[in-house]
Amino acid sequence: MAIATIDPLREASRVADDWKNWVLANVNDHVVRVSVLTRAFHWHRHVNSDEVLLALEGSLIVDFEDQSLSVAAGQFVRVPRNVLHRTRPGGERVVTLSFEHKDTSVTGE
């Protein structure tokens, strides 16, 4: 098994789409995903697991039913399971890492 470093920002620099999310690594029964957003993601919830969102580049806004949080590059927020939320860039573009259960369905529709 080869062990190597992963550079999420380098991976994200190749993205020209308005939304893209993909798995960078598997960690036991969870995954580490990188996401590039230039538009709001739809409202959703994760019924089986918490989600951690770490802003790498730009500012991330996480909207909840009763509040919105601004997450600066280098900061993260934990979204408890079954909490309705959506993510969107605080500016033109945001790159995030998310840590979530491997069976979580992710679509940009």
N, C-alpha and C. Protein backbone atom coordinates (compact mmCIF):
# COMPACT_ATOMS: atom_id res chain seq x y z
N MET A 1 0.84 -1.18 0.00
CA MET A 1 0.00 0.00 0.00
C MET A 1 0.89 1.25 0.00
N ALA A 2 0.66 2.12 -0.96
CA ALA A 2 1.41 3.36 -1.04
C ALA A 2 0.73 4.42 -0.17
N ILE A 3 1.53 5.12 0.60
CA ILE A 3 1.03 6.21 1.43
C ILE A 3 1.59 7.50 0.84
N ALA A 4 0.70 8.46 0.61
CA ALA A 4 1.12 9.71 -0.05
C ALA A 4 0.36 10.89 0.54
N THR A 5 0.91 12.06 0.35
CA THR A 5 0.21 13.28 0.76
C THR A 5 -0.85 13.63 -0.28
N ILE A 6 -1.85 14.36 0.17
CA ILE A 6 -2.91 14.84 -0.71
C ILE A 6 -3.01 16.34 -0.53
N ASP A 7 -3.06 17.07 -1.62
CA ASP A 7 -3.17 18.53 -1.59
C ASP A 7 -4.56 18.93 -2.09
N PRO A 8 -5.51 19.14 -1.17
CA PRO A 8 -6.88 19.44 -1.60
C PRO A 8 -7.00 20.73 -2.41
N LEU A 9 -6.20 21.74 -2.09
CA LEU A 9 -6.29 22.99 -2.85
C LEU A 9 -5.78 22.82 -4.28
N ARG A 10 -4.76 22.01 -4.45
CA ARG A 10 -4.27 21.73 -5.81
C ARG A 10 -5.34 20.98 -6.59
N GLU A 11 -5.96 20.00 -5.95
CA GLU A 11 -7.04 19.25 -6.59
C GLU A 11 -8.19 20.19 -6.97
N ALA A 12 -8.54 21.08 -6.08
CA ALA A 12 -9.66 22.00 -6.31
C ALA A 12 -9.35 23.04 -7.38
N SER A 13 -8.08 23.36 -7.57
CA SER A 13 -7.72 24.39 -8.56
C SER A 13 -8.06 23.97 -9.98
N ARG A 14 -8.29 22.70 -10.21
CA ARG A 14 -8.62 22.18 -11.54
C ARG A 14 -10.11 22.26 -11.86
N VAL A 15 -10.92 22.67 -10.89
CA VAL A 15 -12.38 22.65 -11.05
C VAL A 15 -12.87 23.96 -11.64
N ALA A 16 -13.64 23.84 -12.73
CA ALA A 16 -14.24 25.02 -13.36
C ALA A 16 -15.77 25.00 -13.21
N ASP A 17 -16.32 23.89 -12.69
CA ASP A 17 -17.77 23.76 -12.52
C ASP A 17 -18.27 24.67 -11.40
N ASP A 18 -19.58 24.92 -11.37
CA ASP A 18 -20.15 25.73 -10.29
C ASP A 18 -20.30 24.94 -9.00
N TRP A 19 -20.23 23.61 -9.10
CA TRP A 19 -20.29 22.73 -7.93
C TRP A 19 -19.60 21.42 -8.27
N LYS A 20 -18.74 20.99 -7.37
CA LYS A 20 -18.13 19.67 -7.52
C LYS A 20 -17.75 19.18 -6.13
N ASN A 21 -17.98 17.89 -5.89
CA ASN A 21 -17.72 17.29 -4.59
C ASN A 21 -17.24 15.87 -4.85
N TRP A 22 -16.10 15.51 -4.30
CA TRP A 22 -15.59 14.16 -4.51
C TRP A 22 -14.77 13.69 -3.33
N VAL A 23 -14.61 12.39 -3.21
CA VAL A 23 -13.90 11.76 -2.11
C VAL A 23 -12.40 11.83 -2.36
N LEU A 24 -11.66 12.34 -1.36
CA LEU A 24 -10.20 12.34 -1.41
C LEU A 24 -9.61 11.15 -0.68
N ALA A 25 -10.29 10.72 0.39
CA ALA A 25 -9.74 9.62 1.20
C ALA A 25 -10.85 8.93 1.97
N ASN A 26 -10.66 7.65 2.19
CA ASN A 26 -11.53 6.86 3.06
C ASN A 26 -10.84 6.71 4.41
N VAL A 27 -11.61 6.92 5.48
CA VAL A 27 -11.07 6.79 6.84
C VAL A 27 -12.06 5.93 7.63
N ASN A 28 -11.72 4.66 7.76
CA ASN A 28 -12.61 3.71 8.44
C ASN A 28 -13.99 3.76 7.78
N ASP A 29 -15.04 4.10 8.52
CA ASP A 29 -16.37 4.15 7.92
C ASP A 29 -16.80 5.56 7.54
N HIS A 30 -15.82 6.46 7.37
CA HIS A 30 -16.08 7.83 6.96
C HIS A 30 -15.24 8.17 5.72
N VAL A 31 -15.56 9.31 5.12
CA VAL A 31 -14.79 9.80 3.98
C VAL A 31 -14.40 11.25 4.22
N VAL A 32 -13.33 11.64 3.55
CA VAL A 32 -12.92 13.04 3.50
C VAL A 32 -13.20 13.49 2.07
N ARG A 33 -14.07 14.49 1.94
CA ARG A 33 -14.44 15.01 0.62
C ARG A 33 -13.91 16.42 0.46
N VAL A 34 -13.60 16.78 -0.76
CA VAL A 34 -13.33 18.17 -1.08
C VAL A 34 -14.51 18.66 -1.91
N SER A 35 -14.90 19.90 -1.67
CA SER A 35 -16.03 20.48 -2.37
C SER A 35 -15.66 21.87 -2.85
N VAL A 36 -16.06 22.18 -4.07
CA VAL A 36 -15.88 23.51 -4.64
C VAL A 36 -17.28 24.05 -4.94
N LEU A 37 -17.59 25.22 -4.40
CA LEU A 37 -18.91 25.83 -4.58
C LEU A 37 -18.77 27.25 -5.10
N THR A 38 -19.54 27.56 -6.14
CA THR A 38 -19.70 28.95 -6.56
C THR A 38 -21.18 29.34 -6.52
N ARG A 39 -21.99 28.43 -5.97
CA ARG A 39 -23.43 28.64 -5.82
C ARG A 39 -23.89 27.91 -4.56
N ALA A 40 -25.09 28.19 -4.14
CA ALA A 40 -25.63 27.53 -2.94
C ALA A 40 -25.93 26.07 -3.24
N PHE A 41 -25.66 25.22 -2.27
CA PHE A 41 -26.05 23.82 -2.32
C PHE A 41 -27.47 23.74 -1.76
N HIS A 42 -28.23 22.72 -2.11
CA HIS A 42 -29.62 22.63 -1.68
C HIS A 42 -29.73 22.30 -0.17
N TRP A 43 -30.89 22.58 0.39
CA TRP A 43 -31.17 22.24 1.77
C TRP A 43 -31.19 20.72 1.90
N HIS A 44 -30.57 20.21 2.97
CA HIS A 44 -30.51 18.77 3.17
C HIS A 44 -30.17 18.46 4.62
N ARG A 45 -30.18 17.19 4.95
CA ARG A 45 -29.79 16.73 6.28
C ARG A 45 -29.11 15.37 6.13
N HIS A 46 -28.30 15.02 7.11
CA HIS A 46 -27.64 13.72 7.16
C HIS A 46 -28.24 12.98 8.35
N VAL A 47 -29.04 11.97 8.07
CA VAL A 47 -29.81 11.33 9.14
C VAL A 47 -29.00 10.35 9.98
N ASN A 48 -27.88 9.87 9.47
CA ASN A 48 -27.14 8.84 10.19
C ASN A 48 -25.82 9.28 10.82
N SER A 49 -25.40 10.51 10.56
CA SER A 49 -24.08 10.91 11.04
C SER A 49 -23.94 12.43 11.06
N ASP A 50 -23.12 12.91 11.98
CA ASP A 50 -22.73 14.31 11.98
C ASP A 50 -21.89 14.58 10.73
N GLU A 51 -21.73 15.85 10.40
CA GLU A 51 -20.86 16.27 9.30
C GLU A 51 -19.96 17.39 9.82
N VAL A 52 -18.69 17.36 9.46
CA VAL A 52 -17.77 18.44 9.79
C VAL A 52 -17.37 19.12 8.49
N LEU A 53 -17.49 20.45 8.45
CA LEU A 53 -17.15 21.25 7.28
C LEU A 53 -16.00 22.18 7.63
N LEU A 54 -14.89 22.05 6.92
CA LEU A 54 -13.69 22.85 7.14
C LEU A 54 -13.46 23.72 5.90
N ALA A 55 -13.48 25.03 6.07
CA ALA A 55 -13.22 25.94 4.96
C ALA A 55 -11.70 26.00 4.70
N LEU A 56 -11.32 25.74 3.47
CA LEU A 56 -9.90 25.79 3.10
C LEU A 56 -9.54 27.08 2.38
N GLU A 57 -10.43 27.52 1.51
CA GLU A 57 -10.18 28.71 0.70
C GLU A 57 -11.49 29.47 0.57
N GLY A 58 -11.47 30.76 0.82
CA GLY A 58 -12.69 31.55 0.77
C GLY A 58 -13.48 31.40 2.06
N SER A 59 -14.67 31.94 2.04
CA SER A 59 -15.55 31.91 3.21
C SER A 59 -16.75 31.03 2.91
N LEU A 60 -17.12 30.21 3.88
CA LEU A 60 -18.27 29.32 3.75
C LEU A 60 -19.40 29.85 4.63
N ILE A 61 -20.60 29.90 4.08
CA ILE A 61 -21.78 30.22 4.86
C ILE A 61 -22.57 28.92 5.03
N VAL A 62 -22.92 28.59 6.25
CA VAL A 62 -23.77 27.43 6.52
C VAL A 62 -25.08 27.97 7.08
N ASP A 63 -26.14 27.77 6.33
CA ASP A 63 -27.47 28.21 6.75
C ASP A 63 -28.19 27.08 7.47
N PHE A 64 -28.78 27.43 8.60
CA PHE A 64 -29.63 26.52 9.35
C PHE A 64 -31.03 27.13 9.38
N GLU A 65 -31.99 26.44 9.90
CA GLU A 65 -33.35 26.97 9.92
C GLU A 65 -33.46 28.25 10.73
N ASP A 66 -32.63 28.39 11.77
CA ASP A 66 -32.76 29.54 12.67
C ASP A 66 -31.56 30.47 12.71
N GLN A 67 -30.52 30.18 11.92
CA GLN A 67 -29.34 31.03 11.91
C GLN A 67 -28.44 30.70 10.72
N SER A 68 -27.50 31.59 10.46
CA SER A 68 -26.46 31.36 9.46
C SER A 68 -25.12 31.59 10.13
N LEU A 69 -24.16 30.71 9.82
CA LEU A 69 -22.81 30.84 10.37
C LEU A 69 -21.83 31.12 9.23
N SER A 70 -20.91 32.02 9.46
CA SER A 70 -19.83 32.28 8.52
C SER A 70 -18.60 31.55 9.02
N VAL A 71 -18.02 30.73 8.14
CA VAL A 71 -16.86 29.92 8.48
C VAL A 71 -15.69 30.40 7.62
N ALA A 72 -14.70 31.00 8.24
CA ALA A 72 -13.54 31.54 7.52
C ALA A 72 -12.56 30.41 7.19
N ALA A 73 -11.69 30.66 6.22
CA ALA A 73 -10.65 29.69 5.88
C ALA A 73 -9.87 29.33 7.14
N GLY A 74 -9.70 28.04 7.37
CA GLY A 74 -9.01 27.55 8.56
C GLY A 74 -9.94 27.22 9.71
N GLN A 75 -11.21 27.56 9.60
CA GLN A 75 -12.20 27.25 10.63
C GLN A 75 -13.08 26.09 10.18
N PHE A 76 -13.72 25.41 11.15
CA PHE A 76 -14.68 24.39 10.80
C PHE A 76 -15.90 24.47 11.69
N VAL A 77 -16.96 23.81 11.24
CA VAL A 77 -18.21 23.73 12.00
C VAL A 77 -18.67 22.27 11.96
N ARG A 78 -19.22 21.81 13.08
CA ARG A 78 -19.82 20.47 13.13
C ARG A 78 -21.32 20.64 13.01
N VAL A 79 -21.89 19.94 12.04
CA VAL A 79 -23.34 19.94 11.85
C VAL A 79 -23.86 18.63 12.44
N PRO A 80 -24.62 18.69 13.52
CA PRO A 80 -25.15 17.45 14.12
C PRO A 80 -26.06 16.71 13.14
N ARG A 81 -26.09 15.40 13.28
CA ARG A 81 -26.93 14.61 12.39
C ARG A 81 -28.38 15.04 12.49
N ASN A 82 -29.06 14.92 11.37
CA ASN A 82 -30.48 15.22 11.22
C ASN A 82 -30.82 16.71 11.34
N VAL A 83 -29.83 17.60 11.26
CA VAL A 83 -30.08 19.04 11.30
C VAL A 83 -30.14 19.56 9.87
N LEU A 84 -31.25 20.18 9.52
CA LEU A 84 -31.44 20.74 8.18
C LEU A 84 -30.45 21.90 7.97
N HIS A 85 -29.76 21.88 6.83
CA HIS A 85 -28.77 22.92 6.55
C HIS A 85 -28.49 22.99 5.05
N ARG A 86 -27.84 24.07 4.66
CA ARG A 86 -27.31 24.19 3.31
C ARG A 86 -26.01 24.96 3.39
N THR A 87 -25.16 24.79 2.40
CA THR A 87 -23.89 25.51 2.34
C THR A 87 -23.87 26.38 1.10
N ARG A 88 -23.12 27.48 1.21
CA ARG A 88 -22.97 28.40 0.08
C ARG A 88 -21.69 29.20 0.28
N PRO A 89 -21.14 29.70 -0.81
CA PRO A 89 -19.93 30.52 -0.66
C PRO A 89 -20.26 31.88 -0.07
N GLY A 90 -19.33 32.39 0.75
CA GLY A 90 -19.48 33.73 1.29
C GLY A 90 -19.03 34.79 0.31
N GLY A 91 -18.32 34.38 -0.72
CA GLY A 91 -17.87 35.25 -1.79
C GLY A 91 -18.16 34.56 -3.11
N GLU A 92 -17.23 34.69 -4.04
CA GLU A 92 -17.44 34.07 -5.35
C GLU A 92 -17.25 32.56 -5.34
N ARG A 93 -16.34 32.06 -4.48
CA ARG A 93 -15.99 30.64 -4.51
C ARG A 93 -15.50 30.22 -3.14
N VAL A 94 -15.82 29.00 -2.76
CA VAL A 94 -15.30 28.43 -1.52
C VAL A 94 -14.87 27.00 -1.78
N VAL A 95 -13.78 26.61 -1.13
CA VAL A 95 -13.29 25.23 -1.18
C VAL A 95 -13.35 24.71 0.25
N THR A 96 -14.00 23.56 0.43
CA THR A 96 -14.14 22.99 1.76
C THR A 96 -13.70 21.53 1.78
N LEU A 97 -13.35 21.07 2.96
CA LEU A 97 -13.23 19.65 3.23
C LEU A 97 -14.42 19.28 4.10
N SER A 98 -15.01 18.14 3.81
CA SER A 98 -16.07 17.64 4.68
C SER A 98 -15.70 16.23 5.13
N PHE A 99 -16.07 15.95 6.34
CA PHE A 99 -15.82 14.66 6.96
C PHE A 99 -17.19 14.09 7.32
N GLU A 100 -17.56 12.98 6.67
CA GLU A 100 -18.89 12.44 6.86
C GLU A 100 -18.90 10.93 6.64
N HIS A 101 -19.99 10.30 7.03
CA HIS A 101 -20.10 8.85 6.89
C HIS A 101 -20.03 8.46 5.43
N LYS A 102 -19.40 7.34 5.14
CA LYS A 102 -19.17 6.91 3.76
C LYS A 102 -20.45 6.63 3.00
N ASP A 103 -21.55 6.34 3.67
CA ASP A 103 -22.80 6.05 3.00
C ASP A 103 -23.67 7.28 2.75
N THR A 104 -23.14 8.46 3.05
CA THR A 104 -23.89 9.70 2.82
C THR A 104 -24.01 9.96 1.33
N SER A 105 -25.22 10.18 0.88
CA SER A 105 -25.47 10.49 -0.53
C SER A 105 -25.21 11.97 -0.77
N VAL A 106 -24.45 12.28 -1.80
CA VAL A 106 -24.13 13.67 -2.11
C VAL A 106 -24.45 13.93 -3.57
N THR A 107 -25.40 14.84 -3.81
CA THR A 107 -25.72 15.25 -5.17
C THR A 107 -25.82 16.76 -5.21
N GLY A 108 -25.49 17.33 -6.32
CA GLY A 108 -25.51 18.78 -6.44
C GLY A 108 -26.76 19.33 -7.07
N GLU A 109 -27.79 18.51 -7.14
CA GLU A 109 -29.04 18.93 -7.80
C GLU A 109 -29.83 19.86 -6.92
